[in-house]
Amino acid sequence: MNLLMHICCGPCAVYPVSLLKERGVNIKGFWFNPNIHPFTEYKARLDSVKLLERLWSMELQYKDEYGLTEFVRNVAGRESGRCEYCYSVRLEETAKKAKETNADAFTSSLLVSPYQKFDLLMEIGRMLEDKYSVEFLDEDFRSGFRSGRSKAREMGFYSQKYCGCIYSEMERYLSGKQKS
């Protein structure tokens, strides 16, 4: 199988890439994450993915677009739906790229994180599978989250402290204050 995997960051890619390679899947990575803010965070995650590419001689394609303005325009006033927008934009671009490159299927490293909305990711992926006529590999990789993170630390990857958007960063800093 030729698989195009959307990669949100190096640490989240470690487990699913390792597992799928063991199964003989031919994986190409795809970086497209216009949701990540501020720019310093975006750059740190991009550099981590480039390190993964070098260390594992992995083929990656990049749509390197820092998208603060577009992201904020699309979620401001609709913050409760920001994850749906965020997942849809990134997975749709991955599905389009999979179709364009004749990949057999597409997936995302987001499916490894217990912090993401797994059911929503699955729903969007399946909808895009129908829309683009490219299989969505809807595997639950969450059981390998901790081991993947541990291996990523050993490999020297940058490890983020929030999902990526400016709203999740705000929630990270406010969570302790709002509990008191």
N, C-alpha and C. Protein backbone atom coordinates (compact mmCIF):
# COMPACT_ATOMS: atom_id res chain seq x y z
N MET A 1 0.84 -1.18 0.00
CA MET A 1 0.00 0.00 0.00
C MET A 1 0.89 1.24 0.00
N ASN A 2 0.54 2.21 -0.82
CA ASN A 2 1.19 3.52 -0.82
C ASN A 2 0.30 4.47 -0.04
N LEU A 3 0.83 4.97 1.07
CA LEU A 3 0.06 5.78 2.01
C LEU A 3 0.64 7.17 2.12
N LEU A 4 -0.22 8.18 2.08
CA LEU A 4 0.19 9.55 2.36
C LEU A 4 -0.29 9.87 3.77
N MET A 5 0.67 10.19 4.65
CA MET A 5 0.32 10.50 6.04
C MET A 5 0.52 11.97 6.32
N HIS A 6 -0.57 12.62 6.70
CA HIS A 6 -0.46 13.99 7.21
C HIS A 6 0.31 13.89 8.51
N ILE A 7 1.34 14.73 8.65
CA ILE A 7 2.15 14.71 9.87
C ILE A 7 2.00 16.06 10.57
N CYS A 8 1.46 15.99 11.79
CA CYS A 8 1.24 17.21 12.57
C CYS A 8 2.52 17.64 13.29
N CYS A 9 3.36 16.67 13.64
CA CYS A 9 4.61 16.95 14.33
C CYS A 9 5.44 15.67 14.37
N GLY A 10 6.73 15.82 14.62
CA GLY A 10 7.61 14.66 14.68
C GLY A 10 7.23 13.63 15.73
N PRO A 11 7.01 14.06 16.99
CA PRO A 11 6.70 13.08 18.02
C PRO A 11 5.45 12.24 17.74
N CYS A 12 4.41 12.87 17.19
CA CYS A 12 3.18 12.12 16.90
C CYS A 12 3.35 11.16 15.73
N ALA A 13 4.32 11.40 14.87
CA ALA A 13 4.53 10.54 13.71
C ALA A 13 5.30 9.27 14.06
N VAL A 14 6.11 9.30 15.11
CA VAL A 14 7.02 8.20 15.40
C VAL A 14 6.32 6.84 15.49
N TYR A 15 5.31 6.73 16.32
CA TYR A 15 4.66 5.42 16.50
C TYR A 15 3.92 4.95 15.24
N PRO A 16 3.02 5.75 14.67
CA PRO A 16 2.30 5.23 13.50
C PRO A 16 3.23 4.93 12.31
N VAL A 17 4.25 5.74 12.10
CA VAL A 17 5.17 5.47 11.00
C VAL A 17 5.92 4.16 11.26
N SER A 18 6.41 3.98 12.48
CA SER A 18 7.12 2.74 12.82
C SER A 18 6.23 1.52 12.62
N LEU A 19 5.03 1.58 13.14
CA LEU A 19 4.09 0.46 13.05
C LEU A 19 3.75 0.12 11.60
N LEU A 20 3.44 1.13 10.82
CA LEU A 20 3.04 0.89 9.43
C LEU A 20 4.21 0.41 8.58
N LYS A 21 5.41 0.92 8.85
CA LYS A 21 6.58 0.44 8.11
C LYS A 21 6.84 -1.03 8.42
N GLU A 22 6.65 -1.43 9.69
CA GLU A 22 6.80 -2.84 10.06
C GLU A 22 5.85 -3.72 9.26
N ARG A 23 4.70 -3.19 8.92
CA ARG A 23 3.69 -3.93 8.14
C ARG A 23 3.97 -3.90 6.65
N GLY A 24 5.01 -3.18 6.25
CA GLY A 24 5.35 -3.12 4.84
C GLY A 24 4.64 -2.02 4.05
N VAL A 25 4.04 -1.09 4.75
CA VAL A 25 3.36 0.02 4.08
C VAL A 25 4.40 1.03 3.61
N ASN A 26 4.26 1.48 2.38
CA ASN A 26 5.13 2.52 1.83
C ASN A 26 4.53 3.87 2.21
N ILE A 27 5.20 4.59 3.10
CA ILE A 27 4.66 5.83 3.66
C ILE A 27 5.41 7.04 3.12
N LYS A 28 4.64 8.02 2.69
CA LYS A 28 5.19 9.34 2.38
C LYS A 28 4.50 10.30 3.34
N GLY A 29 5.27 11.22 3.87
CA GLY A 29 4.72 12.19 4.80
C GLY A 29 4.28 13.46 4.09
N PHE A 30 3.37 14.18 4.73
CA PHE A 30 2.87 15.44 4.19
C PHE A 30 2.71 16.43 5.34
N TRP A 31 3.45 17.53 5.26
CA TRP A 31 3.38 18.60 6.27
C TRP A 31 2.47 19.69 5.74
N PHE A 32 1.37 19.93 6.44
CA PHE A 32 0.49 21.06 6.17
C PHE A 32 -0.24 21.34 7.47
N ASN A 33 0.16 22.40 8.14
CA ASN A 33 -0.38 22.71 9.47
C ASN A 33 -0.51 24.22 9.67
N PRO A 34 -1.43 24.86 8.93
CA PRO A 34 -1.58 26.31 9.06
C PRO A 34 -2.27 26.74 10.35
N ASN A 35 -2.60 25.79 11.17
CA ASN A 35 -3.26 26.05 12.45
C ASN A 35 -2.28 26.38 13.58
N ILE A 36 -1.01 26.07 13.39
CA ILE A 36 -0.04 26.17 14.48
C ILE A 36 0.43 27.62 14.66
N HIS A 37 0.30 28.11 15.88
CA HIS A 37 0.67 29.48 16.21
C HIS A 37 1.23 29.55 17.62
N PRO A 38 2.12 30.45 17.92
CA PRO A 38 2.69 31.49 17.08
C PRO A 38 3.73 30.92 16.12
N PHE A 39 4.37 31.79 15.35
CA PHE A 39 5.32 31.35 14.33
C PHE A 39 6.47 30.55 14.93
N THR A 40 6.94 30.91 16.11
CA THR A 40 8.05 30.18 16.73
C THR A 40 7.66 28.72 16.98
N GLU A 41 6.41 28.48 17.34
CA GLU A 41 5.91 27.11 17.55
C GLU A 41 5.83 26.38 16.21
N TYR A 42 5.30 27.06 15.20
CA TYR A 42 5.20 26.50 13.86
C TYR A 42 6.59 26.06 13.38
N LYS A 43 7.56 26.92 13.54
CA LYS A 43 8.93 26.64 13.08
C LYS A 43 9.55 25.48 13.87
N ALA A 44 9.33 25.43 15.17
CA ALA A 44 9.88 24.34 15.98
C ALA A 44 9.31 22.98 15.55
N ARG A 45 8.02 22.95 15.26
CA ARG A 45 7.40 21.68 14.83
C ARG A 45 7.85 21.31 13.42
N LEU A 46 7.96 22.29 12.56
CA LEU A 46 8.44 22.02 11.20
C LEU A 46 9.87 21.48 11.24
N ASP A 47 10.71 22.09 12.05
CA ASP A 47 12.10 21.61 12.18
C ASP A 47 12.14 20.18 12.71
N SER A 48 11.24 19.84 13.61
CA SER A 48 11.16 18.49 14.15
C SER A 48 10.79 17.47 13.07
N VAL A 49 9.87 17.86 12.19
CA VAL A 49 9.48 16.98 11.08
C VAL A 49 10.64 16.82 10.10
N LYS A 50 11.38 17.90 9.87
CA LYS A 50 12.55 17.80 8.99
C LYS A 50 13.62 16.89 9.60
N LEU A 51 13.73 16.89 10.92
CA LEU A 51 14.65 15.97 11.60
C LEU A 51 14.20 14.52 11.39
N LEU A 52 12.91 14.27 11.52
CA LEU A 52 12.35 12.94 11.26
C LEU A 52 12.70 12.51 9.83
N GLU A 53 12.51 13.40 8.90
CA GLU A 53 12.79 13.11 7.49
C GLU A 53 14.26 12.69 7.31
N ARG A 54 15.18 13.44 7.94
CA ARG A 54 16.61 13.12 7.82
C ARG A 54 16.98 11.82 8.52
N LEU A 55 16.52 11.66 9.77
CA LEU A 55 16.91 10.48 10.56
C LEU A 55 16.39 9.18 9.97
N TRP A 56 15.19 9.21 9.41
CA TRP A 56 14.59 8.00 8.88
C TRP A 56 14.60 7.92 7.36
N SER A 57 15.27 8.87 6.71
CA SER A 57 15.29 8.91 5.24
C SER A 57 13.88 8.76 4.68
N MET A 58 12.98 9.49 5.28
CA MET A 58 11.57 9.41 4.91
C MET A 58 11.25 10.46 3.87
N GLU A 59 10.48 10.07 2.88
CA GLU A 59 10.07 11.03 1.86
C GLU A 59 8.92 11.89 2.40
N LEU A 60 9.12 13.20 2.36
CA LEU A 60 8.10 14.14 2.84
C LEU A 60 7.86 15.21 1.80
N GLN A 61 6.62 15.65 1.75
CA GLN A 61 6.24 16.81 0.94
C GLN A 61 5.78 17.88 1.91
N TYR A 62 6.01 19.11 1.53
CA TYR A 62 5.68 20.23 2.42
C TYR A 62 4.78 21.23 1.70
N LYS A 63 3.74 21.61 2.37
CA LYS A 63 2.96 22.78 1.99
C LYS A 63 3.16 23.73 3.17
N ASP A 64 4.24 24.47 3.07
CA ASP A 64 4.74 25.28 4.18
C ASP A 64 4.06 26.64 4.16
N GLU A 65 2.91 26.71 4.82
CA GLU A 65 2.13 27.95 4.87
C GLU A 65 1.77 28.27 6.31
N TYR A 66 2.36 29.33 6.82
CA TYR A 66 1.98 29.80 8.15
C TYR A 66 0.68 30.57 7.99
N GLY A 67 -0.41 30.05 8.54
CA GLY A 67 -1.73 30.56 8.22
C GLY A 67 -2.48 31.26 9.32
N LEU A 68 -1.83 32.08 10.11
CA LEU A 68 -2.51 32.74 11.23
C LEU A 68 -3.73 33.53 10.78
N THR A 69 -3.60 34.37 9.79
CA THR A 69 -4.70 35.23 9.37
C THR A 69 -5.91 34.41 8.93
N GLU A 70 -5.68 33.45 8.04
CA GLU A 70 -6.79 32.63 7.54
C GLU A 70 -7.42 31.81 8.66
N PHE A 71 -6.59 31.23 9.52
CA PHE A 71 -7.11 30.42 10.62
C PHE A 71 -8.01 31.27 11.52
N VAL A 72 -7.53 32.41 11.95
CA VAL A 72 -8.31 33.27 12.85
C VAL A 72 -9.59 33.74 12.18
N ARG A 73 -9.51 34.12 10.91
CA ARG A 73 -10.71 34.54 10.18
C ARG A 73 -11.77 33.45 10.16
N ASN A 74 -11.35 32.21 10.08
CA ASN A 74 -12.30 31.10 9.96
C ASN A 74 -12.83 30.58 11.29
N VAL A 75 -12.19 30.92 12.39
CA VAL A 75 -12.67 30.40 13.67
C VAL A 75 -13.12 31.48 14.66
N ALA A 76 -12.72 32.73 14.44
CA ALA A 76 -13.11 33.80 15.37
C ALA A 76 -14.63 33.90 15.42
N GLY A 77 -15.14 33.89 16.63
CA GLY A 77 -16.58 33.92 16.83
C GLY A 77 -17.23 32.55 16.75
N ARG A 78 -16.45 31.56 16.36
CA ARG A 78 -16.93 30.17 16.25
C ARG A 78 -15.91 29.24 16.89
N GLU A 79 -15.35 29.68 18.00
CA GLU A 79 -14.25 28.95 18.63
C GLU A 79 -14.62 27.53 19.01
N SER A 80 -15.88 27.28 19.34
CA SER A 80 -16.28 25.92 19.73
C SER A 80 -16.17 24.94 18.56
N GLY A 81 -16.14 25.43 17.34
CA GLY A 81 -16.00 24.57 16.16
C GLY A 81 -14.62 24.62 15.55
N ARG A 82 -13.67 25.17 16.29
CA ARG A 82 -12.33 25.34 15.72
C ARG A 82 -11.65 24.02 15.38
N CYS A 83 -11.86 22.99 16.18
CA CYS A 83 -11.19 21.70 15.90
C CYS A 83 -11.73 21.10 14.60
N GLU A 84 -13.03 21.20 14.40
CA GLU A 84 -13.61 20.69 13.16
C GLU A 84 -13.00 21.40 11.95
N TYR A 85 -12.91 22.72 12.03
CA TYR A 85 -12.29 23.48 10.93
C TYR A 85 -10.84 23.04 10.74
N CYS A 86 -10.11 22.97 11.82
CA CYS A 86 -8.69 22.65 11.79
C CYS A 86 -8.45 21.26 11.18
N TYR A 87 -9.17 20.27 11.64
CA TYR A 87 -9.02 18.91 11.10
C TYR A 87 -9.42 18.87 9.63
N SER A 88 -10.53 19.52 9.31
CA SER A 88 -11.05 19.49 7.93
C SER A 88 -10.05 20.08 6.94
N VAL A 89 -9.50 21.22 7.28
CA VAL A 89 -8.54 21.89 6.38
C VAL A 89 -7.33 21.00 6.13
N ARG A 90 -6.77 20.45 7.19
CA ARG A 90 -5.55 19.66 7.04
C ARG A 90 -5.81 18.31 6.37
N LEU A 91 -6.88 17.65 6.77
CA LEU A 91 -7.18 16.35 6.15
C LEU A 91 -7.62 16.50 4.71
N GLU A 92 -8.36 17.56 4.40
CA GLU A 92 -8.78 17.75 3.00
C GLU A 92 -7.56 17.98 2.10
N GLU A 93 -6.64 18.78 2.55
CA GLU A 93 -5.44 19.02 1.75
C GLU A 93 -4.66 17.71 1.57
N THR A 94 -4.65 16.87 2.59
CA THR A 94 -3.97 15.58 2.50
C THR A 94 -4.70 14.65 1.53
N ALA A 95 -6.01 14.60 1.60
CA ALA A 95 -6.79 13.77 0.67
C ALA A 95 -6.59 14.22 -0.77
N LYS A 96 -6.59 15.52 -0.99
CA LYS A 96 -6.35 16.06 -2.35
C LYS A 96 -4.98 15.63 -2.85
N LYS A 97 -3.97 15.77 -1.98
CA LYS A 97 -2.59 15.41 -2.35
C LYS A 97 -2.49 13.90 -2.60
N ALA A 98 -3.19 13.11 -1.81
CA ALA A 98 -3.18 11.66 -2.01
C ALA A 98 -3.77 11.31 -3.38
N LYS A 99 -4.86 11.94 -3.73
CA LYS A 99 -5.51 11.71 -5.03
C LYS A 99 -4.56 12.13 -6.16
N GLU A 100 -3.98 13.30 -6.01
CA GLU A 100 -3.08 13.88 -7.01
C GLU A 100 -1.84 13.01 -7.24
N THR A 101 -1.34 12.36 -6.19
CA THR A 101 -0.12 11.56 -6.29
C THR A 101 -0.39 10.06 -6.45
N ASN A 102 -1.67 9.72 -6.64
CA ASN A 102 -2.07 8.32 -6.83
C ASN A 102 -1.76 7.42 -5.65
N ALA A 103 -1.81 7.98 -4.45
CA ALA A 103 -1.64 7.16 -3.25
C ALA A 103 -2.86 6.26 -3.10
N ASP A 104 -2.68 5.12 -2.48
CA ASP A 104 -3.79 4.20 -2.25
C ASP A 104 -4.68 4.67 -1.11
N ALA A 105 -4.07 5.41 -0.18
CA ALA A 105 -4.81 5.82 1.03
C ALA A 105 -4.12 7.03 1.65
N PHE A 106 -4.83 7.66 2.59
CA PHE A 106 -4.27 8.76 3.38
C PHE A 106 -4.67 8.56 4.82
N THR A 107 -3.91 9.18 5.72
CA THR A 107 -4.20 9.14 7.14
C THR A 107 -3.52 10.34 7.80
N SER A 108 -3.53 10.37 9.12
CA SER A 108 -2.90 11.47 9.85
C SER A 108 -2.26 10.97 11.14
N SER A 109 -1.14 11.58 11.47
CA SER A 109 -0.50 11.28 12.75
C SER A 109 -1.33 11.80 13.92
N LEU A 110 -2.31 12.64 13.64
CA LEU A 110 -3.21 13.11 14.70
C LEU A 110 -3.93 11.94 15.38
N LEU A 111 -4.07 10.84 14.67
CA LEU A 111 -4.80 9.68 15.20
C LEU A 111 -4.05 8.96 16.31
N VAL A 112 -2.85 9.41 16.65
CA VAL A 112 -2.10 8.81 17.75
C VAL A 112 -2.38 9.52 19.07
N SER A 113 -2.85 10.73 19.02
CA SER A 113 -2.94 11.54 20.23
C SER A 113 -4.24 11.35 21.01
N PRO A 114 -4.13 11.03 22.28
CA PRO A 114 -5.34 10.93 23.12
C PRO A 114 -5.94 12.30 23.41
N TYR A 115 -5.25 13.36 23.01
CA TYR A 115 -5.73 14.71 23.26
C TYR A 115 -6.57 15.27 22.11
N GLN A 116 -6.57 14.56 20.98
CA GLN A 116 -7.37 15.00 19.84
C GLN A 116 -8.78 14.40 19.90
N LYS A 117 -9.67 14.96 19.14
CA LYS A 117 -11.06 14.47 19.08
C LYS A 117 -11.12 13.36 18.04
N PHE A 118 -10.84 12.15 18.51
CA PHE A 118 -10.68 10.99 17.63
C PHE A 118 -11.91 10.74 16.75
N ASP A 119 -13.09 10.75 17.34
CA ASP A 119 -14.31 10.47 16.56
C ASP A 119 -14.54 11.51 15.48
N LEU A 120 -14.24 12.75 15.77
CA LEU A 120 -14.38 13.82 14.79
C LEU A 120 -13.37 13.64 13.64
N LEU A 121 -12.14 13.28 13.99
CA LEU A 121 -11.14 13.00 12.95
C LEU A 121 -11.61 11.85 12.04
N MET A 122 -12.16 10.81 12.64
CA MET A 122 -12.65 9.67 11.86
C MET A 122 -13.79 10.08 10.93
N GLU A 123 -14.70 10.84 11.45
CA GLU A 123 -15.86 11.30 10.66
C GLU A 123 -15.39 12.13 9.45
N ILE A 124 -14.49 13.05 9.69
CA ILE A 124 -13.99 13.92 8.62
C ILE A 124 -13.19 13.09 7.61
N GLY A 125 -12.34 12.20 8.08
CA GLY A 125 -11.56 11.36 7.18
C GLY A 125 -12.43 10.50 6.29
N ARG A 126 -13.47 9.92 6.85
CA ARG A 126 -14.38 9.07 6.06
C ARG A 126 -15.16 9.90 5.03
N MET A 127 -15.54 11.10 5.41
CA MET A 127 -16.25 11.98 4.49
C MET A 127 -15.33 12.34 3.31
N LEU A 128 -14.07 12.61 3.61
CA LEU A 128 -13.12 12.96 2.56
C LEU A 128 -12.76 11.75 1.70
N GLU A 129 -12.79 10.57 2.29
CA GLU A 129 -12.58 9.34 1.53
C GLU A 129 -13.62 9.26 0.41
N ASP A 130 -14.86 9.51 0.75
CA ASP A 130 -15.94 9.49 -0.25
C ASP A 130 -15.78 10.62 -1.27
N LYS A 131 -15.47 11.80 -0.79
CA LYS A 131 -15.35 12.97 -1.66
C LYS A 131 -14.23 12.82 -2.70
N TYR A 132 -13.09 12.27 -2.29
CA TYR A 132 -11.93 12.18 -3.17
C TYR A 132 -11.65 10.78 -3.71
N SER A 133 -12.46 9.82 -3.33
CA SER A 133 -12.29 8.42 -3.79
C SER A 133 -10.89 7.90 -3.50
N VAL A 134 -10.39 8.22 -2.31
CA VAL A 134 -9.11 7.70 -1.83
C VAL A 134 -9.38 7.17 -0.43
N GLU A 135 -8.96 5.94 -0.17
CA GLU A 135 -9.20 5.31 1.13
C GLU A 135 -8.62 6.14 2.28
N PHE A 136 -9.38 6.24 3.34
CA PHE A 136 -8.90 6.85 4.58
C PHE A 136 -8.51 5.73 5.51
N LEU A 137 -7.24 5.63 5.86
CA LEU A 137 -6.78 4.62 6.81
C LEU A 137 -7.16 5.11 8.20
N ASP A 138 -8.21 4.53 8.72
CA ASP A 138 -8.83 5.00 9.96
C ASP A 138 -8.38 4.17 11.17
N GLU A 139 -7.09 4.04 11.31
CA GLU A 139 -6.56 3.21 12.39
C GLU A 139 -6.37 4.03 13.67
N ASP A 140 -6.69 3.40 14.77
CA ASP A 140 -6.52 4.01 16.08
C ASP A 140 -5.10 3.69 16.57
N PHE A 141 -4.24 4.69 16.56
CA PHE A 141 -2.84 4.52 16.96
C PHE A 141 -2.60 4.92 18.42
N ARG A 142 -3.65 5.29 19.14
CA ARG A 142 -3.47 5.89 20.47
C ARG A 142 -2.75 4.98 21.47
N SER A 143 -2.82 3.67 21.28
CA SER A 143 -2.14 2.77 22.23
C SER A 143 -0.62 2.98 22.21
N GLY A 144 -0.09 3.55 21.14
CA GLY A 144 1.35 3.76 21.04
C GLY A 144 1.79 5.19 21.32
N PHE A 145 0.89 6.01 21.84
CA PHE A 145 1.21 7.42 22.08
C PHE A 145 2.41 7.58 23.01
N ARG A 146 2.38 6.95 24.17
CA ARG A 146 3.45 7.12 25.16
C ARG A 146 4.79 6.57 24.65
N SER A 147 4.77 5.40 24.05
CA SER A 147 6.02 4.83 23.55
C SER A 147 6.59 5.68 22.42
N GLY A 148 5.73 6.21 21.57
CA GLY A 148 6.18 7.09 20.50
C GLY A 148 6.79 8.37 21.03
N ARG A 149 6.18 8.94 22.05
CA ARG A 149 6.71 10.16 22.67
C ARG A 149 8.08 9.89 23.31
N SER A 150 8.20 8.76 23.96
CA SER A 150 9.46 8.40 24.60
C SER A 150 10.57 8.26 23.55
N LYS A 151 10.27 7.57 22.48
CA LYS A 151 11.25 7.39 21.39
C LYS A 151 11.60 8.75 20.77
N ALA A 152 10.61 9.62 20.62
CA ALA A 152 10.84 10.95 20.05
C ALA A 152 11.79 11.76 20.93
N ARG A 153 11.63 11.64 22.25
CA ARG A 153 12.56 12.33 23.16
C ARG A 153 13.98 11.82 22.98
N GLU A 154 14.11 10.49 22.88
CA GLU A 154 15.43 9.88 22.67
C GLU A 154 16.07 10.38 21.37
N MET A 155 15.24 10.64 20.38
CA MET A 155 15.73 11.09 19.07
C MET A 155 15.99 12.59 19.04
N GLY A 156 15.64 13.30 20.10
CA GLY A 156 15.91 14.73 20.18
C GLY A 156 14.86 15.62 19.55
N PHE A 157 13.63 15.11 19.40
CA PHE A 157 12.57 15.92 18.80
C PHE A 157 12.04 16.95 19.78
N TYR A 158 11.68 18.10 19.24
CA TYR A 158 10.96 19.11 20.01
C TYR A 158 9.58 18.54 20.35
N SER A 159 9.16 18.72 21.59
CA SER A 159 7.85 18.21 22.02
C SER A 159 7.01 19.38 22.51
N GLN A 160 5.91 19.61 21.84
CA GLN A 160 5.05 20.75 22.14
C GLN A 160 4.22 20.52 23.40
N LYS A 161 3.66 21.62 23.89
CA LYS A 161 2.89 21.58 25.14
C LYS A 161 1.39 21.83 24.92
N TYR A 162 0.98 22.02 23.67
CA TYR A 162 -0.44 22.24 23.36
C TYR A 162 -0.69 21.82 21.92
N CYS A 163 -1.95 21.69 21.55
CA CYS A 163 -2.28 21.10 20.24
C CYS A 163 -1.75 21.91 19.08
N GLY A 164 -1.75 23.21 19.17
CA GLY A 164 -1.17 23.99 18.08
C GLY A 164 -1.81 25.33 17.83
N CYS A 165 -3.12 25.42 17.98
CA CYS A 165 -3.75 26.70 17.66
C CYS A 165 -3.60 27.69 18.81
N ILE A 166 -3.77 28.92 18.48
CA ILE A 166 -3.59 30.00 19.45
C ILE A 166 -4.58 29.88 20.62
N TYR A 167 -5.75 29.32 20.33
CA TYR A 167 -6.76 29.13 21.38
C TYR A 167 -6.33 28.04 22.37
N SER A 168 -5.74 26.96 21.84
CA SER A 168 -5.29 25.90 22.75
C SER A 168 -4.10 26.37 23.58
N GLU A 169 -3.28 27.24 23.01
CA GLU A 169 -2.18 27.80 23.79
C GLU A 169 -2.74 28.65 24.93
N MET A 170 -3.74 29.46 24.62
CA MET A 170 -4.37 30.29 25.65
C MET A 170 -4.96 29.41 26.76
N GLU A 171 -5.66 28.37 26.37
CA GLU A 171 -6.27 27.46 27.36
C GLU A 171 -5.21 26.80 28.23
N ARG A 172 -4.08 26.49 27.64
CA ARG A 172 -2.98 25.89 28.40
C ARG A 172 -2.54 26.81 29.53
N TYR A 173 -2.41 28.08 29.26
CA TYR A 173 -1.95 29.02 30.27
C TYR A 173 -3.04 29.43 31.24
N LEU A 174 -4.28 29.41 30.80
CA LEU A 174 -5.38 29.83 31.67
C LEU A 174 -5.94 28.71 32.53
N SER A 175 -5.69 27.46 32.17
CA SER A 175 -6.32 26.34 32.87
C SER A 175 -6.04 26.34 34.37
N GLY A 176 -4.85 26.61 34.78
CA GLY A 176 -4.51 26.64 36.20
C GLY A 176 -5.15 27.81 36.92
N LYS A 177 -5.18 28.96 36.26
CA LYS A 177 -5.76 30.16 36.88
C LYS A 177 -7.26 30.05 37.04
N GLN A 178 -7.94 29.44 36.07
CA GLN A 178 -9.40 29.36 36.13
C GLN A 178 -9.89 28.32 37.15
N LYS A 179 -9.02 27.41 37.53
CA LYS A 179 -9.40 26.39 38.51
C LYS A 179 -9.40 26.93 39.93
N SER A 180 -8.68 28.04 40.17
CA SER A 180 -8.59 28.54 41.54
C SER A 180 -9.78 29.37 41.94
